[in-house]
Amino acid sequence: KFAWYFYEPNKQVYYIDQIPAAQFIKSLLIEMNLIRKPMTVIGYSQGGYLAPKIAEVIPAVDTVIGMACSFRNERFAFRQNVIMHHIHAENDLVVDYEPAKEEFQVLRDRGNVGQFITLKDSGHRLDENYLSELKNLI
C-alpha cells in the first residue's frame, strides 16, 4: 500500500521509515552539486510525510510545502527556521483535514512560520485549486 516506506497500520510500526528516502534524495542532490543551494521541497500526499524529513537532513531547505498530507511531527526534527506551508482540502477523504490542521498548528506553536490554506471545493486529488494556491506560495 505504501510506495517508499513500509508501515504496519495495525501494529502502528514502521519497518522502513522516511530516513532512507530522505538520505537517497540528499545523496542525489550531492551528486548533482545542488546540496548547498536554497531550496523549497513540495510534498503531495505521502510526499508530504517525507518533505519535512528532507528539511531535517538537508540544511539548505528553507521552505516546505505540504499538499493533501499530514506533517508527522513525531517523525522529523524541528527546524524553526524552515517556512512550513500546508494546503489541504476540507473534503479530503484520504487524509483527514482536522488532524492535518492540528499537526500544522503544532509547528506554528513551536515557532515555524507559514500558512495553512484550506480548500473548500477540492478533495485529495491535485486539481486547479491546489495548483493555484501552490503558485501563490512559490
N, C-alpha and C. Protein backbone atom coordinates (compact mmCIF):
# COMPACT_ATOMS: atom_id res chain seq x y z
N LYS A 1 0.82 -1.20 0.00
CA LYS A 1 0.00 0.00 0.00
C LYS A 1 0.86 1.27 0.00
N PHE A 2 2.00 1.24 0.66
CA PHE A 2 2.86 2.42 0.72
C PHE A 2 4.03 2.20 -0.23
N ALA A 3 4.41 3.23 -0.95
CA ALA A 3 5.37 3.07 -2.04
C ALA A 3 6.83 3.13 -1.59
N TRP A 4 7.21 3.99 -0.68
CA TRP A 4 8.62 4.19 -0.37
C TRP A 4 8.94 4.00 1.10
N TYR A 5 7.96 3.68 1.89
CA TYR A 5 8.21 3.31 3.27
C TYR A 5 7.26 2.17 3.61
N PHE A 6 7.60 1.41 4.65
CA PHE A 6 6.79 0.26 5.00
C PHE A 6 6.26 0.43 6.42
N TYR A 7 4.96 0.54 6.51
CA TYR A 7 4.27 0.81 7.76
C TYR A 7 3.20 -0.23 7.96
N GLU A 8 3.13 -0.76 9.15
CA GLU A 8 2.09 -1.72 9.51
C GLU A 8 1.04 -0.99 10.35
N PRO A 9 -0.08 -0.58 9.70
CA PRO A 9 -1.06 0.23 10.43
C PRO A 9 -1.70 -0.48 11.62
N ASN A 10 -1.87 -1.78 11.54
CA ASN A 10 -2.49 -2.49 12.67
C ASN A 10 -1.59 -2.47 13.91
N LYS A 11 -0.29 -2.58 13.69
CA LYS A 11 0.67 -2.56 14.79
C LYS A 11 1.23 -1.16 15.03
N GLN A 12 0.97 -0.24 14.10
CA GLN A 12 1.50 1.12 14.14
C GLN A 12 3.02 1.11 14.27
N VAL A 13 3.65 0.33 13.37
CA VAL A 13 5.10 0.18 13.37
C VAL A 13 5.63 0.47 11.97
N TYR A 14 6.72 1.24 11.89
CA TYR A 14 7.44 1.44 10.64
C TYR A 14 8.54 0.38 10.55
N TYR A 15 8.53 -0.42 9.49
CA TYR A 15 9.64 -1.34 9.25
C TYR A 15 10.74 -0.61 8.48
N ILE A 16 10.34 0.25 7.57
CA ILE A 16 11.26 1.17 6.89
C ILE A 16 10.57 2.53 6.93
N ASP A 17 11.23 3.50 7.55
CA ASP A 17 10.61 4.82 7.71
C ASP A 17 11.09 5.79 6.63
N GLN A 18 10.98 7.08 6.89
CA GLN A 18 11.31 8.10 5.91
C GLN A 18 12.81 8.35 5.76
N ILE A 19 13.62 7.87 6.68
CA ILE A 19 15.05 8.16 6.67
C ILE A 19 15.74 7.68 5.39
N PRO A 20 15.55 6.43 4.95
CA PRO A 20 16.25 6.01 3.71
C PRO A 20 15.88 6.87 2.50
N ALA A 21 14.62 7.22 2.35
CA ALA A 21 14.21 8.05 1.21
C ALA A 21 14.84 9.44 1.29
N ALA A 22 14.84 10.04 2.48
CA ALA A 22 15.44 11.37 2.66
C ALA A 22 16.95 11.32 2.38
N GLN A 23 17.61 10.29 2.85
CA GLN A 23 19.05 10.16 2.61
C GLN A 23 19.35 9.93 1.12
N PHE A 24 18.48 9.20 0.44
CA PHE A 24 18.66 8.99 -1.00
C PHE A 24 18.57 10.33 -1.74
N ILE A 25 17.57 11.13 -1.40
CA ILE A 25 17.42 12.44 -2.04
C ILE A 25 18.62 13.32 -1.74
N LYS A 26 19.10 13.28 -0.51
CA LYS A 26 20.29 14.04 -0.15
C LYS A 26 21.49 13.60 -0.99
N SER A 27 21.69 12.31 -1.14
CA SER A 27 22.80 11.79 -1.95
C SER A 27 22.68 12.24 -3.40
N LEU A 28 21.46 12.22 -3.91
CA LEU A 28 21.23 12.66 -5.29
C LEU A 28 21.59 14.14 -5.46
N LEU A 29 21.19 14.97 -4.50
CA LEU A 29 21.49 16.40 -4.58
C LEU A 29 22.99 16.67 -4.43
N ILE A 30 23.68 15.87 -3.63
CA ILE A 30 25.13 15.99 -3.51
C ILE A 30 25.77 15.65 -4.86
N GLU A 31 25.33 14.56 -5.46
CA GLU A 31 25.88 14.14 -6.75
C GLU A 31 25.63 15.19 -7.84
N MET A 32 24.50 15.87 -7.76
CA MET A 32 24.16 16.89 -8.76
C MET A 32 24.75 18.26 -8.40
N ASN A 33 25.48 18.32 -7.30
CA ASN A 33 26.11 19.55 -6.81
C ASN A 33 25.07 20.65 -6.53
N LEU A 34 23.94 20.26 -5.98
CA LEU A 34 22.88 21.21 -5.65
C LEU A 34 22.62 21.30 -4.15
N ILE A 35 23.35 20.57 -3.37
CA ILE A 35 23.06 20.40 -1.95
C ILE A 35 23.13 21.69 -1.15
N ARG A 36 23.89 22.67 -1.60
CA ARG A 36 24.05 23.91 -0.83
C ARG A 36 23.15 25.04 -1.32
N LYS A 37 22.43 24.82 -2.38
CA LYS A 37 21.56 25.87 -2.92
C LYS A 37 20.25 25.92 -2.13
N PRO A 38 19.77 27.12 -1.82
CA PRO A 38 18.47 27.21 -1.11
C PRO A 38 17.39 26.50 -1.92
N MET A 39 16.53 25.78 -1.22
CA MET A 39 15.50 25.03 -1.94
C MET A 39 14.20 24.95 -1.18
N THR A 40 13.16 24.77 -1.96
CA THR A 40 11.82 24.51 -1.45
C THR A 40 11.47 23.08 -1.79
N VAL A 41 10.96 22.35 -0.81
CA VAL A 41 10.52 20.97 -1.02
C VAL A 41 9.00 20.97 -1.01
N ILE A 42 8.42 20.39 -2.04
CA ILE A 42 6.96 20.28 -2.15
C ILE A 42 6.60 18.81 -2.07
N GLY A 43 5.71 18.47 -1.15
CA GLY A 43 5.30 17.08 -0.99
C GLY A 43 3.79 16.95 -1.05
N TYR A 44 3.34 16.07 -1.93
CA TYR A 44 1.90 15.79 -2.06
C TYR A 44 1.60 14.42 -1.47
N SER A 45 0.58 14.32 -0.65
CA SER A 45 0.11 13.07 -0.05
C SER A 45 1.26 12.42 0.72
N GLN A 46 1.70 11.22 0.31
CA GLN A 46 2.81 10.57 1.01
C GLN A 46 4.07 11.42 0.98
N GLY A 47 4.25 12.17 -0.10
CA GLY A 47 5.41 13.06 -0.20
C GLY A 47 5.41 14.14 0.86
N GLY A 48 4.22 14.47 1.37
CA GLY A 48 4.11 15.43 2.45
C GLY A 48 4.62 14.89 3.78
N TYR A 49 4.62 13.57 3.92
CA TYR A 49 5.22 12.97 5.11
C TYR A 49 6.75 13.02 5.01
N LEU A 50 7.24 12.94 3.78
CA LEU A 50 8.68 12.93 3.55
C LEU A 50 9.30 14.33 3.55
N ALA A 51 8.58 15.32 3.06
CA ALA A 51 9.13 16.66 2.87
C ALA A 51 9.79 17.24 4.12
N PRO A 52 9.18 17.19 5.31
CA PRO A 52 9.86 17.73 6.50
C PRO A 52 11.11 16.94 6.88
N LYS A 53 11.12 15.65 6.57
CA LYS A 53 12.30 14.83 6.85
C LYS A 53 13.46 15.27 5.95
N ILE A 54 13.15 15.63 4.71
CA ILE A 54 14.18 16.14 3.81
C ILE A 54 14.75 17.44 4.38
N ALA A 55 13.88 18.30 4.89
CA ALA A 55 14.34 19.55 5.51
C ALA A 55 15.22 19.27 6.73
N GLU A 56 14.96 18.17 7.41
CA GLU A 56 15.79 17.81 8.56
C GLU A 56 17.21 17.45 8.14
N VAL A 57 17.35 16.71 7.04
CA VAL A 57 18.67 16.19 6.66
C VAL A 57 19.41 17.08 5.67
N ILE A 58 18.73 18.07 5.10
CA ILE A 58 19.37 18.97 4.14
C ILE A 58 19.22 20.40 4.66
N PRO A 59 20.26 20.97 5.23
CA PRO A 59 20.16 22.31 5.82
C PRO A 59 19.78 23.41 4.83
N ALA A 60 20.02 23.22 3.53
CA ALA A 60 19.69 24.25 2.54
C ALA A 60 18.19 24.39 2.30
N VAL A 61 17.41 23.43 2.75
CA VAL A 61 15.95 23.54 2.58
C VAL A 61 15.45 24.65 3.49
N ASP A 62 14.84 25.66 2.88
CA ASP A 62 14.33 26.78 3.68
C ASP A 62 12.81 26.85 3.70
N THR A 63 12.15 26.08 2.82
CA THR A 63 10.69 26.09 2.77
C THR A 63 10.18 24.68 2.46
N VAL A 64 9.13 24.29 3.16
CA VAL A 64 8.43 23.03 2.89
C VAL A 64 6.97 23.36 2.62
N ILE A 65 6.44 22.79 1.55
CA ILE A 65 5.03 22.95 1.23
C ILE A 65 4.42 21.56 1.15
N GLY A 66 3.47 21.31 2.02
CA GLY A 66 2.76 20.04 2.01
C GLY A 66 1.38 20.22 1.41
N MET A 67 0.96 19.26 0.61
CA MET A 67 -0.36 19.31 -0.02
C MET A 67 -1.06 17.98 0.21
N ALA A 68 -2.30 18.06 0.72
CA ALA A 68 -3.11 16.86 0.94
C ALA A 68 -2.34 15.81 1.74
N CYS A 69 -1.76 16.25 2.84
CA CYS A 69 -0.95 15.37 3.67
C CYS A 69 -1.13 15.76 5.14
N SER A 70 -0.39 15.09 5.96
CA SER A 70 -0.30 15.50 7.36
C SER A 70 1.17 15.49 7.72
N PHE A 71 1.67 16.58 8.26
CA PHE A 71 3.05 16.59 8.71
C PHE A 71 3.11 15.73 9.96
N ARG A 72 3.88 14.68 9.91
CA ARG A 72 4.01 13.77 11.05
C ARG A 72 5.11 14.30 11.95
N ASN A 73 4.72 15.20 12.84
CA ASN A 73 5.70 15.92 13.66
C ASN A 73 6.61 15.01 14.47
N GLU A 74 6.12 13.86 14.85
CA GLU A 74 6.94 12.95 15.65
C GLU A 74 7.99 12.25 14.80
N ARG A 75 7.94 12.40 13.47
CA ARG A 75 8.83 11.68 12.57
C ARG A 75 10.01 12.51 12.06
N PHE A 76 10.10 13.78 12.45
CA PHE A 76 11.23 14.60 11.99
C PHE A 76 11.62 15.59 13.07
N ALA A 77 12.89 16.02 13.00
CA ALA A 77 13.39 17.02 13.95
C ALA A 77 12.96 18.40 13.49
N PHE A 78 12.55 19.22 14.42
CA PHE A 78 12.09 20.58 14.10
C PHE A 78 13.26 21.47 13.74
N ARG A 79 13.06 22.24 12.70
CA ARG A 79 13.96 23.34 12.35
C ARG A 79 13.09 24.58 12.31
N GLN A 80 13.24 25.41 13.30
CA GLN A 80 12.38 26.58 13.45
C GLN A 80 12.55 27.57 12.29
N ASN A 81 13.71 27.54 11.63
CA ASN A 81 13.96 28.49 10.56
C ASN A 81 13.40 28.05 9.20
N VAL A 82 12.68 26.95 9.17
CA VAL A 82 12.06 26.48 7.92
C VAL A 82 10.63 27.01 7.85
N ILE A 83 10.30 27.63 6.73
CA ILE A 83 8.93 28.06 6.50
C ILE A 83 8.12 26.83 6.12
N MET A 84 7.01 26.61 6.80
CA MET A 84 6.17 25.43 6.56
C MET A 84 4.79 25.89 6.11
N HIS A 85 4.42 25.52 4.89
CA HIS A 85 3.08 25.80 4.38
C HIS A 85 2.35 24.48 4.20
N HIS A 86 1.03 24.57 4.26
CA HIS A 86 0.21 23.37 4.09
C HIS A 86 -1.06 23.76 3.33
N ILE A 87 -1.35 23.03 2.27
CA ILE A 87 -2.58 23.21 1.51
C ILE A 87 -3.39 21.93 1.66
N HIS A 88 -4.62 22.08 2.13
CA HIS A 88 -5.42 20.88 2.41
C HIS A 88 -6.89 21.16 2.15
N ALA A 89 -7.57 20.18 1.61
CA ALA A 89 -9.00 20.31 1.31
C ALA A 89 -9.83 19.78 2.48
N GLU A 90 -10.87 20.51 2.81
CA GLU A 90 -11.79 20.04 3.86
C GLU A 90 -12.44 18.72 3.49
N ASN A 91 -12.62 18.47 2.20
CA ASN A 91 -13.31 17.27 1.73
C ASN A 91 -12.36 16.14 1.35
N ASP A 92 -11.13 16.19 1.84
CA ASP A 92 -10.15 15.13 1.54
C ASP A 92 -10.61 13.86 2.25
N LEU A 93 -10.87 12.80 1.47
CA LEU A 93 -11.34 11.54 2.04
C LEU A 93 -10.19 10.56 2.29
N VAL A 94 -8.97 10.95 1.93
CA VAL A 94 -7.82 10.08 2.14
C VAL A 94 -7.04 10.49 3.38
N VAL A 95 -6.77 11.78 3.51
CA VAL A 95 -6.05 12.32 4.68
C VAL A 95 -6.99 13.28 5.39
N ASP A 96 -7.36 12.94 6.60
CA ASP A 96 -8.35 13.73 7.35
C ASP A 96 -7.87 15.17 7.55
N TYR A 97 -8.77 16.08 7.31
CA TYR A 97 -8.49 17.51 7.38
C TYR A 97 -8.14 17.98 8.79
N GLU A 98 -8.98 17.69 9.77
CA GLU A 98 -8.78 18.22 11.13
C GLU A 98 -7.47 17.76 11.77
N PRO A 99 -7.14 16.46 11.72
CA PRO A 99 -5.83 16.07 12.29
C PRO A 99 -4.65 16.71 11.56
N ALA A 100 -4.77 16.90 10.24
CA ALA A 100 -3.70 17.56 9.49
C ALA A 100 -3.54 19.00 9.94
N LYS A 101 -4.66 19.66 10.17
CA LYS A 101 -4.62 21.05 10.63
C LYS A 101 -4.02 21.13 12.04
N GLU A 102 -4.34 20.17 12.88
CA GLU A 102 -3.79 20.13 14.24
C GLU A 102 -2.27 19.91 14.21
N GLU A 103 -1.80 19.02 13.34
CA GLU A 103 -0.35 18.80 13.19
C GLU A 103 0.35 20.08 12.75
N PHE A 104 -0.29 20.81 11.83
CA PHE A 104 0.29 22.07 11.38
C PHE A 104 0.36 23.07 12.53
N GLN A 105 -0.66 23.10 13.35
CA GLN A 105 -0.68 24.04 14.47
C GLN A 105 0.45 23.75 15.46
N VAL A 106 0.83 22.50 15.60
CA VAL A 106 1.98 22.15 16.45
C VAL A 106 3.23 22.86 15.95
N LEU A 107 3.41 22.87 14.63
CA LEU A 107 4.56 23.58 14.06
C LEU A 107 4.49 25.07 14.36
N ARG A 108 3.32 25.64 14.18
CA ARG A 108 3.13 27.08 14.45
C ARG A 108 3.44 27.38 15.92
N ASP A 109 2.95 26.53 16.81
CA ASP A 109 3.18 26.73 18.24
C ASP A 109 4.66 26.65 18.59
N ARG A 110 5.42 25.89 17.82
CA ARG A 110 6.85 25.76 18.06
C ARG A 110 7.66 26.88 17.43
N GLY A 111 7.01 27.71 16.62
CA GLY A 111 7.70 28.86 16.07
C GLY A 111 7.91 28.88 14.57
N ASN A 112 7.52 27.81 13.86
CA ASN A 112 7.64 27.85 12.40
C ASN A 112 6.61 28.83 11.84
N VAL A 113 7.02 29.59 10.85
CA VAL A 113 6.08 30.47 10.17
C VAL A 113 5.59 29.76 8.91
N GLY A 114 4.46 30.21 8.42
CA GLY A 114 3.87 29.64 7.21
C GLY A 114 2.36 29.69 7.31
N GLN A 115 1.73 29.25 6.25
CA GLN A 115 0.27 29.32 6.16
C GLN A 115 -0.35 27.93 6.07
N PHE A 116 -1.51 27.79 6.67
CA PHE A 116 -2.36 26.62 6.43
C PHE A 116 -3.50 27.11 5.55
N ILE A 117 -3.57 26.60 4.34
CA ILE A 117 -4.55 27.05 3.37
C ILE A 117 -5.61 25.97 3.21
N THR A 118 -6.86 26.36 3.43
CA THR A 118 -7.98 25.44 3.32
C THR A 118 -8.65 25.59 1.97
N LEU A 119 -8.85 24.45 1.32
CA LEU A 119 -9.58 24.43 0.05
C LEU A 119 -10.99 23.92 0.32
N LYS A 120 -11.97 24.62 -0.20
CA LYS A 120 -13.37 24.27 0.05
C LYS A 120 -13.93 23.28 -0.98
N ASP A 121 -13.53 23.42 -2.23
CA ASP A 121 -14.17 22.65 -3.30
C ASP A 121 -13.24 21.62 -3.92
N SER A 122 -12.38 21.03 -3.12
CA SER A 122 -11.43 20.03 -3.62
C SER A 122 -11.48 18.81 -2.72
N GLY A 123 -10.84 17.76 -3.17
CA GLY A 123 -10.70 16.54 -2.37
C GLY A 123 -9.22 16.23 -2.21
N HIS A 124 -8.86 14.97 -2.41
CA HIS A 124 -7.47 14.57 -2.24
C HIS A 124 -6.65 14.76 -3.51
N ARG A 125 -7.27 14.64 -4.64
CA ARG A 125 -6.54 14.76 -5.91
C ARG A 125 -6.10 16.19 -6.18
N LEU A 126 -4.90 16.31 -6.75
CA LEU A 126 -4.43 17.63 -7.15
C LEU A 126 -5.34 18.16 -8.25
N ASP A 127 -5.79 19.36 -8.06
CA ASP A 127 -6.64 20.00 -9.06
C ASP A 127 -6.21 21.45 -9.21
N GLU A 128 -6.98 22.19 -9.96
CA GLU A 128 -6.64 23.59 -10.23
C GLU A 128 -6.58 24.42 -8.95
N ASN A 129 -7.40 24.09 -7.95
CA ASN A 129 -7.37 24.83 -6.68
C ASN A 129 -6.03 24.65 -5.96
N TYR A 130 -5.55 23.41 -5.91
CA TYR A 130 -4.24 23.16 -5.30
C TYR A 130 -3.15 23.90 -6.05
N LEU A 131 -3.17 23.76 -7.37
CA LEU A 131 -2.12 24.38 -8.18
C LEU A 131 -2.13 25.89 -8.09
N SER A 132 -3.30 26.48 -8.02
CA SER A 132 -3.41 27.93 -7.89
C SER A 132 -2.79 28.40 -6.56
N GLU A 133 -3.11 27.71 -5.48
CA GLU A 133 -2.54 28.08 -4.17
C GLU A 133 -1.04 27.84 -4.14
N LEU A 134 -0.60 26.76 -4.77
CA LEU A 134 0.84 26.47 -4.83
C LEU A 134 1.57 27.59 -5.56
N LYS A 135 1.02 28.02 -6.68
CA LYS A 135 1.63 29.13 -7.44
C LYS A 135 1.74 30.38 -6.58
N ASN A 136 0.74 30.64 -5.76
CA ASN A 136 0.78 31.82 -4.89
C ASN A 136 1.90 31.73 -3.85
N LEU A 137 2.22 30.51 -3.43
CA LEU A 137 3.25 30.33 -2.40
C LEU A 137 4.66 30.39 -2.98
N ILE A 138 4.82 29.95 -4.21
CA ILE A 138 6.17 29.93 -4.77
C ILE A 138 6.35 31.11 -5.71
